[in-house]
Each structure stands twice: as structure tokens, then as C-alpha cells.
Amino acid sequence: MNHSVKKVNMGVILCRHCNALIDTVDTNRIATFYGVCNQPECRQQRSVTNASIRDVTEEE
């Protein structure tokens, strides 16, 4: 008798711009993390967001 147990990752990493699933993570509970996927549109939004944050912090 084979009693193998399949492990299920309960954490997910989603793209903050398009909500695409980037990866799953082994966690002890359900968790959602956000990152940026490799789609050109999402990478473009990331660079625009980072530039805006730098502009604000440099003005202070």
C-alpha cells in the first residue's frame, strides 16, 4: 500500500499589476504576497512607480 502525501503550497505570489500567478510558496498558513511578473507592461509600470517614489523622496 502506498500512502504518499502530496504537499500543497498555501502561499501564492501574485503580480501587483495584472494579478497573474508568479509562484507558490511553502507556508504554514494561507498567505498572499505581491511582486511584479515578467510581462513588459508590468515591468514598465514598475519603473514608472519607482521613478515617482524617487522624485517625491528627493524633493524632501
C-alpha atoms as a PDB file:
ATOM      1  CA  MET A   1       0.000   0.000   0.000  1.00  0.00           C
ATOM      2  CA  ASN A   2       1.357   3.406  -0.989  1.00  0.00           C
ATOM      3  CA  HIS A   3       0.481   6.209   1.450  1.00  0.00           C
ATOM      4  CA  SER A   4       2.229   9.094  -0.271  1.00  0.00           C
ATOM      5  CA  VAL A   5       1.099  12.564   0.706  1.00  0.00           C
ATOM      6  CA  LYS A   6       1.260  15.436  -1.743  1.00  0.00           C
ATOM      7  CA  LYS A   7       2.391  18.701  -0.141  1.00  0.00           C
ATOM      8  CA  VAL A   8       0.325  21.732  -1.084  1.00  0.00           C
ATOM      9  CA  ASN A   9       1.870  25.208  -1.024  1.00  0.00           C
ATOM     10  CA  MET A  10      -0.518  27.543   0.786  1.00  0.00           C
ATOM     11  CA  GLY A  11       1.187  30.796  -0.158  1.00  0.00           C
ATOM     12  CA  VAL A  12       0.957  32.497  -3.536  1.00  0.00           C
ATOM     13  CA  ILE A  13       2.897  35.300  -5.192  1.00  0.00           C
ATOM     14  CA  LEU A  14       0.737  37.434  -7.484  1.00  0.00           C
ATOM     15  CA  CYS A  15       1.677  40.263  -9.833  1.00  0.00           C
ATOM     16  CA  ARG A  16       0.625  43.532  -8.259  1.00  0.00           C
ATOM     17  CA  HIS A  17      -0.348  44.936 -11.666  1.00  0.00           C
ATOM     18  CA  CYS A  18      -2.142  42.118 -13.524  1.00  0.00           C
ATOM     19  CA  ASN A  19      -2.776  39.582 -10.708  1.00  0.00           C
ATOM     20  CA  ALA A  20      -1.020  36.794 -12.642  1.00  0.00           C
ATOM     21  CA  LEU A  21       0.244  33.883 -10.563  1.00  0.00           C
ATOM     22  CA  ILE A  22       4.044  34.209 -10.351  1.00  0.00           C
ATOM     23  CA  ASP A  23       4.826  31.316  -7.989  1.00  0.00           C
ATOM     24  CA  THR A  24       3.680  29.385  -4.944  1.00  0.00           C
ATOM     25  CA  VAL A  25       5.384  29.366  -1.553  1.00  0.00           C
ATOM     26  CA  ASP A  26       5.550  26.766   1.193  1.00  0.00           C
ATOM     27  CA  THR A  27       3.916  28.478   4.180  1.00  0.00           C
ATOM     28  CA  ASN A  28       2.176  27.290   7.339  1.00  0.00           C
ATOM     29  CA  ARG A  29      -0.995  29.207   6.503  1.00  0.00           C
ATOM     30  CA  ILE A  30      -2.731  30.819   3.553  1.00  0.00           C
ATOM     31  CA  ALA A  31      -0.715  33.869   2.525  1.00  0.00           C
ATOM     32  CA  THR A  32      -0.652  36.225  -0.463  1.00  0.00           C
ATOM     33  CA  PHE A  33       2.483  38.078  -1.496  1.00  0.00           C
ATOM     34  CA  TYR A  34       2.797  40.593  -4.310  1.00  0.00           C
ATOM     35  CA  GLY A  35       5.584  41.128  -6.797  1.00  0.00           C
ATOM     36  CA  VAL A  36       5.925  42.069 -10.462  1.00  0.00           C
ATOM     37  CA  CYS A  37       5.722  39.500 -13.271  1.00  0.00           C
ATOM     38  CA  ASN A  38       7.862  39.468 -16.420  1.00  0.00           C
ATOM     39  CA  GLN A  39       5.243  40.971 -18.739  1.00  0.00           C
ATOM     40  CA  PRO A  40       6.623  44.128 -20.419  1.00  0.00           C
ATOM     41  CA  GLU A  41       3.567  46.179 -19.406  1.00  0.00           C
ATOM     42  CA  CYS A  42       4.007  45.280 -15.742  1.00  0.00           C
ATOM     43  CA  ARG A  43       7.778  45.945 -15.826  1.00  0.00           C
ATOM     44  CA  GLN A  44       7.037  49.343 -17.393  1.00  0.00           C
ATOM     45  CA  GLN A  45       4.555  50.202 -14.622  1.00  0.00           C
ATOM     46  CA  ARG A  46       7.147  49.148 -12.038  1.00  0.00           C
ATOM     47  CA  SER A  47       9.788  51.502 -13.465  1.00  0.00           C
ATOM     48  CA  VAL A  48       7.299  54.391 -13.603  1.00  0.00           C
ATOM     49  CA  THR A  49       6.260  53.752  -9.984  1.00  0.00           C
ATOM     50  CA  ASN A  50       9.873  53.607  -8.791  1.00  0.00           C
ATOM     51  CA  ALA A  51      10.673  56.867 -10.592  1.00  0.00           C
ATOM     52  CA  SER A  52       7.693  58.578  -8.945  1.00  0.00           C
ATOM     53  CA  ILE A  53       8.764  57.434  -5.488  1.00  0.00           C
ATOM     54  CA  ARG A  54      12.333  58.662  -6.078  1.00  0.00           C
ATOM     55  CA  ASP A  55      11.032  62.070  -7.241  1.00  0.00           C
ATOM     56  CA  VAL A  56       8.998  62.506  -4.057  1.00  0.00           C
ATOM     57  CA  THR A  57      11.774  61.437  -1.691  1.00  0.00           C
ATOM     58  CA  GLU A  58      14.385  63.640  -3.418  1.00  0.00           C
ATOM     59  CA  GLU A  59      12.155  66.713  -3.056  1.00  0.00           C
ATOM     60  CA  GLU A  60      12.007  66.412   0.742  1.00  0.00           C
END
